[in-house]
Amino acid sequence: RTNIVGTMAATIPTITLNNGRHMPAVGLGTWQMDDAQAEKAVLQAIDLGYRHFDTAFIYHNEVAIGKAVRQKIREGVIKREDVFITSKLWCTSHSPEAVLRACHRSHRYLSLDYIDLYLVHWPFGLKSKTEPLNPQVFDEFDSTSLEETWQEMEKCVDEGLVRSIGVSNYNSVQLARIVNAARIKPVINQVECHVGLPQHQLLQFCREWGVAVSAHSPLGAPYRPGRPRGAPSTLEQPALAQLAHKHGKTPAQIALRYVVQLGAIPLPKASSVEHMRDNLKIFDFKLDKKEMETLDRLDKNDRLLTYPLARHHLDWPFKIPF
């Protein structure tokens, strides 16, 4: 079994971040997984060859993910340095006094010596007068600036809690503000990216600024809250089915390969071992220029995750095209 694990992990390329650290070119997303699901998924995923796991404070599964990784370290399947763990600062911890405290909490929940990558989950800050300790509840906006929050993120690196820092769901203007103000530059902007929303302009912008992109919802977030009943799935596009047939792959594998060739790191969530295994097998084939152009035509600017409750916040990122 160890050989299979080693072989599959060895076939996953890595990308080099702007600070020289390496990140596996595909990861397992864990949004909407409870503790039991997350622990089981990470244990299975490590055996399948996954070495990159994406969580967040607001997912409420950091403890389980840390536990699963530690178990596999104890079993000798992996060493700590073999895995790349991302977590994220929630919106209710943007104020200067809260950032380091939140990072310490995620660090404690994961209990893995260090966090590889810590992201600001959304550019806007929120706070609650009624339930200040409940991150699910907010009744007012926090006006802490992007730059003030970022200065505190840099301290998370200084203190050795995290190796790299980045942002998530930032538009081009917000990313430029951070890069220009930063002492420690963001290595990643994690954004929604899939065949319905390929983000060509934002990806190009990030490339020019030396910031890598990871893709949440690379399969179109089929289980997202508020998805209209009967709404067509991103994966049900005939073009995906045709290319899947041609390459002997699944529509999901074609969709993930498309994201890889756009230049992003897909973070698919998977509900079964079979899907988890399939989602790794995207590095043994290529889509040619014509096939990429066919998939480009599926671009509907179909943004699925927008956090509409914060749309009146000064820093809500979707007021401009990218």
C-alpha atoms as a PDB file:
ATOM      1  CA  ARG A   1       0.000   0.000   0.000  1.00  0.00           C
ATOM      2  CA  THR A   2       2.802   2.405   0.823  1.00  0.00           C
ATOM      3  CA  ASN A   3       4.143   2.053  -2.716  1.00  0.00           C
ATOM      4  CA  ILE A   4       0.799   3.075  -4.222  1.00  0.00           C
ATOM      5  CA  VAL A   5       0.643   6.055  -1.871  1.00  0.00           C
ATOM      6  CA  GLY A   6       4.173   7.097  -2.733  1.00  0.00           C
ATOM      7  CA  THR A   7       3.653   6.663  -6.454  1.00  0.00           C
ATOM      8  CA  MET A   8       0.457   8.717  -6.629  1.00  0.00           C
ATOM      9  CA  ALA A   9       1.859  11.498  -4.451  1.00  0.00           C
ATOM     10  CA  ALA A  10       4.960  11.555  -6.644  1.00  0.00           C
ATOM     11  CA  THR A  11       2.856  12.153  -9.766  1.00  0.00           C
ATOM     12  CA  ILE A  12       1.309  15.367  -8.392  1.00  0.00           C
ATOM     13  CA  PRO A  13       3.382  18.340  -9.544  1.00  0.00           C
ATOM     14  CA  THR A  14       4.085  21.260  -7.233  1.00  0.00           C
ATOM     15  CA  ILE A  15       4.137  24.958  -7.953  1.00  0.00           C
ATOM     16  CA  THR A  16       6.721  27.345  -6.529  1.00  0.00           C
ATOM     17  CA  LEU A  17       5.290  30.298  -4.610  1.00  0.00           C
ATOM     18  CA  ASN A  18       6.844  33.773  -4.657  1.00  0.00           C
ATOM     19  CA  ASN A  19       8.637  33.053  -1.357  1.00  0.00           C
ATOM     20  CA  GLY A  20      10.315  29.913  -2.758  1.00  0.00           C
ATOM     21  CA  ARG A  21       8.066  27.430  -0.947  1.00  0.00           C
ATOM     22  CA  HIS A  22       6.334  24.625  -2.835  1.00  0.00           C
ATOM     23  CA  MET A  23       2.630  23.805  -2.954  1.00  0.00           C
ATOM     24  CA  PRO A  24       1.025  20.674  -4.501  1.00  0.00           C
ATOM     25  CA  ALA A  25      -0.855  21.547  -7.701  1.00  0.00           C
ATOM     26  CA  VAL A  26      -4.141  20.034  -6.495  1.00  0.00           C
ATOM     27  CA  GLY A  27      -5.671  19.907  -3.018  1.00  0.00           C
ATOM     28  CA  LEU A  28      -8.700  18.548  -1.188  1.00  0.00           C
ATOM     29  CA  GLY A  29     -11.320  21.145  -0.294  1.00  0.00           C
ATOM     30  CA  THR A  30     -13.143  20.491   2.996  1.00  0.00           C
ATOM     31  CA  TRP A  31     -15.912  23.119   3.057  1.00  0.00           C
ATOM     32  CA  GLN A  32     -19.243  21.663   4.313  1.00  0.00           C
ATOM     33  CA  MET A  33     -17.521  18.641   5.891  1.00  0.00           C
ATOM     34  CA  ASP A  34     -18.238  18.119   9.580  1.00  0.00           C
ATOM     35  CA  ASP A  35     -15.587  16.698  11.921  1.00  0.00           C
ATOM     36  CA  ALA A  36     -16.374  13.043  11.238  1.00  0.00           C
ATOM     37  CA  GLN A  37     -16.527  13.526   7.459  1.00  0.00           C
ATOM     38  CA  ALA A  38     -13.360  15.622   7.389  1.00  0.00           C
ATOM     39  CA  GLU A  39     -11.333  13.179   9.488  1.00  0.00           C
ATOM     40  CA  LYS A  40     -12.402  10.218   7.360  1.00  0.00           C
ATOM     41  CA  ALA A  41     -11.839  12.111   4.093  1.00  0.00           C
ATOM     42  CA  VAL A  42      -8.332  13.250   5.045  1.00  0.00           C
ATOM     43  CA  LEU A  43      -7.296   9.760   6.206  1.00  0.00           C
ATOM     44  CA  GLN A  44      -8.521   8.282   2.910  1.00  0.00           C
ATOM     45  CA  ALA A  45      -7.061  11.115   0.857  1.00  0.00           C
ATOM     46  CA  ILE A  46      -3.581  10.712   2.337  1.00  0.00           C
ATOM     47  CA  ASP A  47      -3.668   7.013   1.444  1.00  0.00           C
ATOM     48  CA  LEU A  48      -4.691   7.958  -2.101  1.00  0.00           C
ATOM     49  CA  GLY A  49      -1.760  10.369  -2.441  1.00  0.00           C
ATOM     50  CA  TYR A  50      -3.227  13.773  -1.518  1.00  0.00           C
ATOM     51  CA  ARG A  51      -0.709  16.041   0.185  1.00  0.00           C
ATOM     52  CA  HIS A  52      -2.598  19.356   0.177  1.00  0.00           C
ATOM     53  CA  PHE A  53      -5.629  20.112   2.367  1.00  0.00           C
ATOM     54  CA  ASP A  54      -7.668  23.299   2.444  1.00  0.00           C
ATOM     55  CA  THR A  55      -9.652  24.240   5.551  1.00  0.00           C
ATOM     56  CA  ALA A  56     -10.740  27.396   7.390  1.00  0.00           C
ATOM     57  CA  PHE A  57     -11.759  28.427  10.876  1.00  0.00           C
ATOM     58  CA  ILE A  58     -15.361  28.864   9.708  1.00  0.00           C
ATOM     59  CA  TYR A  59     -15.503  25.276   8.368  1.00  0.00           C
ATOM     60  CA  HIS A  60     -15.354  24.031  11.991  1.00  0.00           C
ATOM     61  CA  ASN A  61     -13.240  21.017  11.044  1.00  0.00           C
ATOM     62  CA  GLU A  62      -9.657  22.104  11.775  1.00  0.00           C
ATOM     63  CA  VAL A  63      -9.449  19.833  14.841  1.00  0.00           C
ATOM     64  CA  ALA A  64     -10.481  16.760  12.836  1.00  0.00           C
ATOM     65  CA  ILE A  65      -8.122  17.533   9.962  1.00  0.00           C
ATOM     66  CA  GLY A  66      -5.185  17.997  12.320  1.00  0.00           C
ATOM     67  CA  LYS A  67      -6.059  14.736  14.064  1.00  0.00           C
ATOM     68  CA  ALA A  68      -6.133  12.799  10.769  1.00  0.00           C
ATOM     69  CA  VAL A  69      -2.800  14.224   9.600  1.00  0.00           C
ATOM     70  CA  ARG A  70      -1.164  13.441  12.963  1.00  0.00           C
ATOM     71  CA  GLN A  71      -2.463   9.867  12.777  1.00  0.00           C
ATOM     72  CA  LYS A  72      -0.865   9.359   9.351  1.00  0.00           C
ATOM     73  CA  ILE A  73       2.391  10.857  10.640  1.00  0.00           C
ATOM     74  CA  ARG A  74       2.312   8.410  13.575  1.00  0.00           C
ATOM     75  CA  GLU A  75       1.675   5.523  11.162  1.00  0.00           C
ATOM     76  CA  GLY A  76       4.759   6.549   9.186  1.00  0.00           C
ATOM     77  CA  VAL A  77       2.797   7.150   5.969  1.00  0.00           C
ATOM     78  CA  ILE A  78       3.868  10.819   5.796  1.00  0.00           C
ATOM     79  CA  LYS A  79       6.120  13.299   7.552  1.00  0.00           C
ATOM     80  CA  ARG A  80       4.828  16.741   8.545  1.00  0.00           C
ATOM     81  CA  GLU A  81       6.820  18.381   5.750  1.00  0.00           C
ATOM     82  CA  ASP A  82       5.119  16.151   3.140  1.00  0.00           C
ATOM     83  CA  VAL A  83       1.726  17.815   3.616  1.00  0.00           C
ATOM     84  CA  PHE A  84       0.566  21.341   2.864  1.00  0.00           C
ATOM     85  CA  ILE A  85      -2.194  22.706   5.105  1.00  0.00           C
ATOM     86  CA  THR A  86      -4.114  25.896   4.376  1.00  0.00           C
ATOM     87  CA  SER A  87      -6.431  27.601   6.856  1.00  0.00           C
ATOM     88  CA  LYS A  88      -8.164  30.977   6.814  1.00  0.00           C
ATOM     89  CA  LEU A  89      -8.885  33.981   9.012  1.00  0.00           C
ATOM     90  CA  TRP A  90     -12.629  34.555   9.364  1.00  0.00           C
ATOM     91  CA  CYS A  91     -14.257  37.962   8.735  1.00  0.00           C
ATOM     92  CA  THR A  92     -15.055  38.544  12.417  1.00  0.00           C
ATOM     93  CA  SER A  93     -11.315  38.599  13.258  1.00  0.00           C
ATOM     94  CA  HIS A  94     -10.067  41.390  10.958  1.00  0.00           C
ATOM     95  CA  SER A  95      -9.445  43.996  13.658  1.00  0.00           C
ATOM     96  CA  PRO A  96      -5.751  44.369  14.593  1.00  0.00           C
ATOM     97  CA  GLU A  97      -6.130  42.885  18.077  1.00  0.00           C
ATOM     98  CA  ALA A  98      -8.016  39.825  16.751  1.00  0.00           C
ATOM     99  CA  VAL A  99      -5.859  38.509  13.877  1.00  0.00           C
ATOM    100  CA  LEU A 100      -3.010  36.956  15.847  1.00  0.00           C
ATOM    101  CA  ARG A 101      -5.454  35.550  18.388  1.00  0.00           C
ATOM    102  CA  ALA A 102      -7.436  33.864  15.591  1.00  0.00           C
ATOM    103  CA  CYS A 103      -4.278  32.450  14.028  1.00  0.00           C
ATOM    104  CA  HIS A 104      -3.160  31.050  17.400  1.00  0.00           C
ATOM    105  CA  ARG A 105      -6.581  29.397  17.710  1.00  0.00           C
ATOM    106  CA  SER A 106      -6.382  27.724  14.268  1.00  0.00           C
ATOM    107  CA  HIS A 107      -2.790  26.701  15.044  1.00  0.00           C
ATOM    108  CA  ARG A 108      -3.971  25.125  18.305  1.00  0.00           C
ATOM    109  CA  TYR A 109      -6.947  23.390  16.664  1.00  0.00           C
ATOM    110  CA  LEU A 110      -4.751  21.864  13.930  1.00  0.00           C
ATOM    111  CA  SER A 111      -1.840  21.080  16.327  1.00  0.00           C
ATOM    112  CA  LEU A 112       0.637  20.489  13.489  1.00  0.00           C
ATOM    113  CA  ASP A 113       3.657  22.631  14.579  1.00  0.00           C
ATOM    114  CA  TYR A 114       2.893  25.215  11.882  1.00  0.00           C
ATOM    115  CA  ILE A 115       0.289  26.106   9.252  1.00  0.00           C
ATOM    116  CA  ASP A 116       1.688  26.120   5.707  1.00  0.00           C
ATOM    117  CA  LEU A 117      -0.593  28.849   4.390  1.00  0.00           C
ATOM    118  CA  TYR A 118      -2.947  31.239   6.197  1.00  0.00           C
ATOM    119  CA  LEU A 119      -5.370  33.300   4.110  1.00  0.00           C
ATOM    120  CA  VAL A 120      -7.648  36.249   4.793  1.00  0.00           C
ATOM    121  CA  HIS A 121     -10.906  34.452   3.901  1.00  0.00           C
ATOM    122  CA  TRP A 122     -12.770  37.506   2.527  1.00  0.00           C
ATOM    123  CA  PRO A 123     -11.628  41.120   2.123  1.00  0.00           C
ATOM    124  CA  PHE A 124     -14.435  42.548   4.274  1.00  0.00           C
ATOM    125  CA  GLY A 125     -14.541  42.542   8.075  1.00  0.00           C
ATOM    126  CA  LEU A 126     -17.673  41.824  10.103  1.00  0.00           C
ATOM    127  CA  LYS A 127     -18.581  42.072  13.784  1.00  0.00           C
ATOM    128  CA  SER A 128     -21.409  41.212  16.106  1.00  0.00           C
ATOM    129  CA  LYS A 129     -22.656  43.337  18.993  1.00  0.00           C
ATOM    130  CA  THR A 130     -25.174  40.719  20.083  1.00  0.00           C
ATOM    131  CA  GLU A 131     -22.954  37.623  19.946  1.00  0.00           C
ATOM    132  CA  PRO A 132     -19.327  38.770  19.711  1.00  0.00           C
ATOM    133  CA  LEU A 133     -18.018  35.234  20.239  1.00  0.00           C
ATOM    134  CA  ASN A 134     -20.194  33.624  17.570  1.00  0.00           C
ATOM    135  CA  PRO A 135     -18.522  33.989  14.154  1.00  0.00           C
ATOM    136  CA  GLN A 136     -21.722  32.894  12.394  1.00  0.00           C
ATOM    137  CA  VAL A 137     -23.553  36.008  13.555  1.00  0.00           C
ATOM    138  CA  PHE A 138     -22.858  39.578  12.523  1.00  0.00           C
ATOM    139  CA  ASP A 139     -24.940  42.709  12.745  1.00  0.00           C
ATOM    140  CA  GLU A 140     -22.498  45.370  11.637  1.00  0.00           C
ATOM    141  CA  PHE A 141     -19.519  45.891   9.367  1.00  0.00           C
ATOM    142  CA  ASP A 142     -15.956  46.186  10.664  1.00  0.00           C
ATOM    143  CA  SER A 143     -14.160  49.045   8.920  1.00  0.00           C
ATOM    144  CA  THR A 144     -10.600  47.808   9.590  1.00  0.00           C
ATOM    145  CA  SER A 145      -8.644  48.500   6.398  1.00  0.00           C
ATOM    146  CA  LEU A 146      -7.200  45.713   4.256  1.00  0.00           C
ATOM    147  CA  GLU A 147      -3.716  47.023   5.037  1.00  0.00           C
ATOM    148  CA  GLU A 148      -4.225  47.006   8.828  1.00  0.00           C
ATOM    149  CA  THR A 149      -5.406  43.388   8.744  1.00  0.00           C
ATOM    150  CA  TRP A 150      -2.471  42.432   6.511  1.00  0.00           C
ATOM    151  CA  GLN A 151       0.098  43.942   8.903  1.00  0.00           C
ATOM    152  CA  GLU A 152      -1.236  41.587  11.572  1.00  0.00           C
ATOM    153  CA  MET A 153      -1.132  38.624   9.143  1.00  0.00           C
ATOM    154  CA  GLU A 154       2.583  39.332   8.683  1.00  0.00           C
ATOM    155  CA  LYS A 155       3.053  38.913  12.440  1.00  0.00           C
ATOM    156  CA  CYS A 156       1.683  35.356  12.129  1.00  0.00           C
ATOM    157  CA  VAL A 157       4.733  34.594   9.948  1.00  0.00           C
ATOM    158  CA  ASP A 158       7.070  36.475  12.308  1.00  0.00           C
ATOM    159  CA  GLU A 159       5.864  34.345  15.230  1.00  0.00           C
ATOM    160  CA  GLY A 160       6.427  31.076  13.344  1.00  0.00           C
ATOM    161  CA  LEU A 161       2.757  30.090  13.410  1.00  0.00           C
ATOM    162  CA  VAL A 162       2.540  30.030   9.605  1.00  0.00           C
ATOM    163  CA  ARG A 163       4.997  29.652   6.713  1.00  0.00           C
ATOM    164  CA  SER A 164       3.146  31.678   4.065  1.00  0.00           C
ATOM    165  CA  ILE A 165       0.246  34.124   3.976  1.00  0.00           C
ATOM    166  CA  GLY A 166      -2.228  35.074   1.289  1.00  0.00           C
ATOM    167  CA  VAL A 167      -5.719  36.292   0.530  1.00  0.00           C
ATOM    168  CA  SER A 168      -8.973  34.869  -0.768  1.00  0.00           C
ATOM    169  CA  ASN A 169     -11.789  36.370  -2.849  1.00  0.00           C
ATOM    170  CA  TYR A 170      -9.842  39.617  -3.418  1.00  0.00           C
ATOM    171  CA  ASN A 171     -10.372  41.605  -6.601  1.00  0.00           C
ATOM    172  CA  SER A 172      -7.481  43.100  -8.603  1.00  0.00           C
ATOM    173  CA  VAL A 173      -7.600  46.494  -6.870  1.00  0.00           C
ATOM    174  CA  GLN A 174      -7.623  44.912  -3.407  1.00  0.00           C
ATOM    175  CA  LEU A 175      -4.760  42.562  -4.286  1.00  0.00           C
ATOM    176  CA  ALA A 176      -2.677  45.453  -5.641  1.00  0.00           C
ATOM    177  CA  ARG A 177      -3.266  47.402  -2.420  1.00  0.00           C
ATOM    178  CA  ILE A 178      -1.932  44.504  -0.355  1.00  0.00           C
ATOM    179  CA  VAL A 179       1.091  43.808  -2.587  1.00  0.00           C
ATOM    180  CA  ASN A 180       2.026  47.503  -2.567  1.00  0.00           C
ATOM    181  CA  ALA A 181       1.741  47.801   1.222  1.00  0.00           C
ATOM    182  CA  ALA A 182       3.196  44.417   2.143  1.00  0.00           C
ATOM    183  CA  ARG A 183       6.413  43.686   3.974  1.00  0.00           C
ATOM    184  CA  ILE A 184       5.640  39.977   3.407  1.00  0.00           C
ATOM    185  CA  LYS A 185       3.882  39.525   0.076  1.00  0.00           C
ATOM    186  CA  PRO A 186       0.768  37.368  -0.356  1.00  0.00           C
ATOM    187  CA  VAL A 187       1.682  34.102  -2.100  1.00  0.00           C
ATOM    188  CA  ILE A 188      -1.880  33.157  -3.122  1.00  0.00           C
ATOM    189  CA  ASN A 189      -5.228  34.652  -4.022  1.00  0.00           C
ATOM    190  CA  GLN A 190      -7.796  31.868  -3.635  1.00  0.00           C
ATOM    191  CA  VAL A 191     -10.856  32.598  -5.765  1.00  0.00           C
ATOM    192  CA  GLU A 192     -13.841  30.888  -7.341  1.00  0.00           C
ATOM    193  CA  CYS A 193     -12.712  29.479 -10.702  1.00  0.00           C
ATOM    194  CA  HIS A 194     -14.406  26.918 -12.970  1.00  0.00           C
ATOM    195  CA  VAL A 195     -15.635  26.509 -16.554  1.00  0.00           C
ATOM    196  CA  GLY A 196     -18.555  28.878 -15.907  1.00  0.00           C
ATOM    197  CA  LEU A 197     -16.240  31.520 -14.372  1.00  0.00           C
ATOM    198  CA  PRO A 198     -12.672  31.063 -15.661  1.00  0.00           C
ATOM    199  CA  GLN A 199     -11.494  34.446 -14.321  1.00  0.00           C
ATOM    200  CA  HIS A 200      -9.122  35.067 -17.262  1.00  0.00           C
ATOM    201  CA  GLN A 201      -8.512  38.728 -16.390  1.00  0.00           C
ATOM    202  CA  LEU A 202      -7.990  38.170 -12.668  1.00  0.00           C
ATOM    203  CA  LEU A 203      -5.652  35.205 -13.290  1.00  0.00           C
ATOM    204  CA  GLN A 204      -3.611  37.279 -15.721  1.00  0.00           C
ATOM    205  CA  PHE A 205      -3.465  40.127 -13.182  1.00  0.00           C
ATOM    206  CA  CYS A 206      -2.299  37.762 -10.411  1.00  0.00           C
ATOM    207  CA  ARG A 207       0.391  36.330 -12.722  1.00  0.00           C
ATOM    208  CA  GLU A 208       1.694  39.819 -13.483  1.00  0.00           C
ATOM    209  CA  TRP A 209       1.891  40.582  -9.754  1.00  0.00           C
ATOM    210  CA  GLY A 210       3.627  37.289  -8.925  1.00  0.00           C
ATOM    211  CA  VAL A 211       0.733  35.892  -6.891  1.00  0.00           C
ATOM    212  CA  ALA A 212      -0.382  32.291  -7.503  1.00  0.00           C
ATOM    213  CA  VAL A 213      -4.073  31.417  -7.706  1.00  0.00           C
ATOM    214  CA  SER A 214      -5.874  28.525  -6.058  1.00  0.00           C
ATOM    215  CA  ALA A 215      -9.393  27.696  -7.188  1.00  0.00           C
ATOM    216  CA  HIS A 216     -12.214  27.039  -4.775  1.00  0.00           C
ATOM    217  CA  SER A 217     -15.381  25.505  -6.276  1.00  0.00           C
ATOM    218  CA  PRO A 218     -13.489  24.236  -9.380  1.00  0.00           C
ATOM    219  CA  LEU A 219     -16.420  21.918 -10.159  1.00  0.00           C
ATOM    220  CA  GLY A 220     -18.987  24.695  -9.820  1.00  0.00           C
ATOM    221  CA  ALA A 221     -20.001  24.263  -6.137  1.00  0.00           C
ATOM    222  CA  PRO A 222     -22.897  21.839  -6.764  1.00  0.00           C
ATOM    223  CA  TYR A 223     -23.712  21.665  -3.023  1.00  0.00           C
ATOM    224  CA  ARG A 224     -23.629  25.398  -2.353  1.00  0.00           C
ATOM    225  CA  PRO A 225     -26.323  26.855  -0.090  1.00  0.00           C
ATOM    226  CA  GLY A 226     -29.056  28.629  -2.020  1.00  0.00           C
ATOM    227  CA  ARG A 227     -28.466  26.764  -5.271  1.00  0.00           C
ATOM    228  CA  PRO A 228     -31.800  26.971  -7.122  1.00  0.00           C
ATOM    229  CA  ARG A 229     -33.523  23.592  -7.307  1.00  0.00           C
ATOM    230  CA  GLY A 230     -33.036  22.126 -10.757  1.00  0.00           C
ATOM    231  CA  ALA A 231     -30.286  24.623 -11.644  1.00  0.00           C
ATOM    232  CA  PRO A 232     -28.056  23.001 -14.277  1.00  0.00           C
ATOM    233  CA  SER A 233     -24.806  21.663 -12.864  1.00  0.00           C
ATOM    234  CA  THR A 234     -21.574  23.079 -14.220  1.00  0.00           C
ATOM    235  CA  LEU A 235     -20.550  19.486 -14.975  1.00  0.00           C
ATOM    236  CA  GLU A 236     -23.608  18.786 -17.135  1.00  0.00           C
ATOM    237  CA  GLN A 237     -22.312  20.849 -20.072  1.00  0.00           C
ATOM    238  CA  PRO A 238     -22.306  18.770 -23.309  1.00  0.00           C
ATOM    239  CA  ALA A 239     -18.830  20.106 -24.194  1.00  0.00           C
ATOM    240  CA  LEU A 240     -17.423  18.514 -21.019  1.00  0.00           C
ATOM    241  CA  ALA A 241     -19.107  15.192 -21.820  1.00  0.00           C
ATOM    242  CA  GLN A 242     -17.705  15.216 -25.370  1.00  0.00           C
ATOM    243  CA  LEU A 243     -14.154  15.933 -24.224  1.00  0.00           C
ATOM    244  CA  ALA A 244     -14.470  13.366 -21.428  1.00  0.00           C
ATOM    245  CA  HIS A 245     -15.428  10.708 -23.988  1.00  0.00           C
ATOM    246  CA  LYS A 246     -12.557  11.725 -26.279  1.00  0.00           C
ATOM    247  CA  HIS A 247      -9.908  11.566 -23.518  1.00  0.00           C
ATOM    248  CA  GLY A 248     -11.323   8.591 -21.603  1.00  0.00           C
ATOM    249  CA  LYS A 249     -11.902  10.799 -18.563  1.00  0.00           C
ATOM    250  CA  THR A 250     -14.892  12.012 -16.531  1.00  0.00           C
ATOM    251  CA  PRO A 251     -16.480  15.464 -17.037  1.00  0.00           C
ATOM    252  CA  ALA A 252     -15.112  16.410 -13.591  1.00  0.00           C
ATOM    253  CA  GLN A 253     -11.572  15.484 -14.641  1.00  0.00           C
ATOM    254  CA  ILE A 254     -11.917  17.617 -17.786  1.00  0.00           C
ATOM    255  CA  ALA A 255     -13.225  20.532 -15.685  1.00  0.00           C
ATOM    256  CA  LEU A 256     -10.300  20.220 -13.248  1.00  0.00           C
ATOM    257  CA  ARG A 257      -7.739  19.886 -16.048  1.00  0.00           C
ATOM    258  CA  TYR A 258      -9.149  23.072 -17.564  1.00  0.00           C
ATOM    259  CA  VAL A 259      -8.561  24.919 -14.266  1.00  0.00           C
ATOM    260  CA  VAL A 260      -4.991  23.549 -14.078  1.00  0.00           C
ATOM    261  CA  GLN A 261      -4.258  24.754 -17.623  1.00  0.00           C
ATOM    262  CA  LEU A 262      -5.722  28.167 -16.807  1.00  0.00           C
ATOM    263  CA  GLY A 263      -2.873  28.326 -14.291  1.00  0.00           C
ATOM    264  CA  ALA A 264      -4.770  27.745 -11.034  1.00  0.00           C
ATOM    265  CA  ILE A 265      -4.558  25.090  -8.318  1.00  0.00           C
ATOM    266  CA  PRO A 266      -7.927  23.321  -8.053  1.00  0.00           C
ATOM    267  CA  LEU A 267      -9.265  22.443  -4.583  1.00  0.00           C
ATOM    268  CA  PRO A 268     -12.126  20.042  -5.349  1.00  0.00           C
ATOM    269  CA  LYS A 269     -14.239  18.622  -2.573  1.00  0.00           C
ATOM    270  CA  ALA A 270     -15.100  14.953  -3.067  1.00  0.00           C
ATOM    271  CA  SER A 271     -17.869  12.906  -1.502  1.00  0.00           C
ATOM    272  CA  SER A 272     -16.458   9.447  -2.261  1.00  0.00           C
ATOM    273  CA  VAL A 273     -13.113   7.674  -2.483  1.00  0.00           C
ATOM    274  CA  GLU A 274     -13.779   7.098  -6.179  1.00  0.00           C
ATOM    275  CA  HIS A 275     -14.223  10.830  -6.854  1.00  0.00           C
ATOM    276  CA  MET A 276     -11.235  11.634  -4.668  1.00  0.00           C
ATOM    277  CA  ARG A 277      -9.091   9.239  -6.678  1.00  0.00           C
ATOM    278  CA  ASP A 278     -10.407  10.587  -9.995  1.00  0.00           C
ATOM    279  CA  ASN A 279      -9.674  14.174  -8.975  1.00  0.00           C
ATOM    280  CA  LEU A 280      -5.959  13.356  -8.682  1.00  0.00           C
ATOM    281  CA  LYS A 281      -5.761  11.813 -12.160  1.00  0.00           C
ATOM    282  CA  ILE A 282      -5.604  15.088 -14.055  1.00  0.00           C
ATOM    283  CA  PHE A 283      -1.883  15.289 -14.779  1.00  0.00           C
ATOM    284  CA  ASP A 284      -1.587  12.440 -17.306  1.00  0.00           C
ATOM    285  CA  PHE A 285      -3.277  14.229 -20.224  1.00  0.00           C
ATOM    286  CA  LYS A 286      -3.506  17.698 -21.780  1.00  0.00           C
ATOM    287  CA  LEU A 287      -6.238  19.724 -23.446  1.00  0.00           C
ATOM    288  CA  ASP A 288      -5.028  21.269 -26.696  1.00  0.00           C
ATOM    289  CA  LYS A 289      -5.543  24.908 -27.673  1.00  0.00           C
ATOM    290  CA  LYS A 290      -8.767  24.186 -29.552  1.00  0.00           C
ATOM    291  CA  GLU A 291     -10.211  22.190 -26.641  1.00  0.00           C
ATOM    292  CA  MET A 292      -9.353  24.987 -24.203  1.00  0.00           C
ATOM    293  CA  GLU A 293     -11.091  27.460 -26.522  1.00  0.00           C
ATOM    294  CA  THR A 294     -14.174  25.211 -26.624  1.00  0.00           C
ATOM    295  CA  LEU A 295     -14.310  25.285 -22.815  1.00  0.00           C
ATOM    296  CA  ASP A 296     -13.615  29.035 -22.752  1.00  0.00           C
ATOM    297  CA  ARG A 297     -16.940  29.430 -24.554  1.00  0.00           C
ATOM    298  CA  LEU A 298     -18.726  28.063 -21.464  1.00  0.00           C
ATOM    299  CA  ASP A 299     -17.747  31.266 -19.620  1.00  0.00           C
ATOM    300  CA  LYS A 300     -21.020  32.810 -18.437  1.00  0.00           C
ATOM    301  CA  ASN A 301     -19.387  34.959 -15.751  1.00  0.00           C
ATOM    302  CA  ASP A 302     -21.387  32.629 -13.538  1.00  0.00           C
ATOM    303  CA  ARG A 303     -20.303  33.675 -10.039  1.00  0.00           C
ATOM    304  CA  LEU A 304     -21.868  31.247  -7.577  1.00  0.00           C
ATOM    305  CA  LEU A 305     -20.470  32.363  -4.207  1.00  0.00           C
ATOM    306  CA  THR A 306     -20.773  36.080  -3.499  1.00  0.00           C
ATOM    307  CA  TYR A 307     -21.625  36.465   0.210  1.00  0.00           C
ATOM    308  CA  PRO A 308     -24.551  38.790  -0.675  1.00  0.00           C
ATOM    309  CA  LEU A 309     -25.166  39.775   2.967  1.00  0.00           C
ATOM    310  CA  ALA A 310     -21.992  41.872   2.785  1.00  0.00           C
ATOM    311  CA  ARG A 311     -22.717  43.524  -0.569  1.00  0.00           C
ATOM    312  CA  HIS A 312     -23.029  46.979   1.026  1.00  0.00           C
ATOM    313  CA  HIS A 313     -19.625  46.691   2.713  1.00  0.00           C
ATOM    314  CA  LEU A 314     -16.990  49.052   1.336  1.00  0.00           C
ATOM    315  CA  ASP A 315     -14.677  46.069   0.718  1.00  0.00           C
ATOM    316  CA  TRP A 316     -17.187  43.661  -0.873  1.00  0.00           C
ATOM    317  CA  PRO A 317     -15.056  42.520  -3.834  1.00  0.00           C
ATOM    318  CA  PHE A 318     -17.592  42.119  -6.637  1.00  0.00           C
ATOM    319  CA  LYS A 319     -18.395  45.760  -7.397  1.00  0.00           C
ATOM    320  CA  ILE A 320     -15.901  45.754 -10.284  1.00  0.00           C
ATOM    321  CA  PRO A 321     -15.492  43.198 -13.110  1.00  0.00           C
ATOM    322  CA  PHE A 322     -12.347  41.547 -11.659  1.00  0.00           C
END
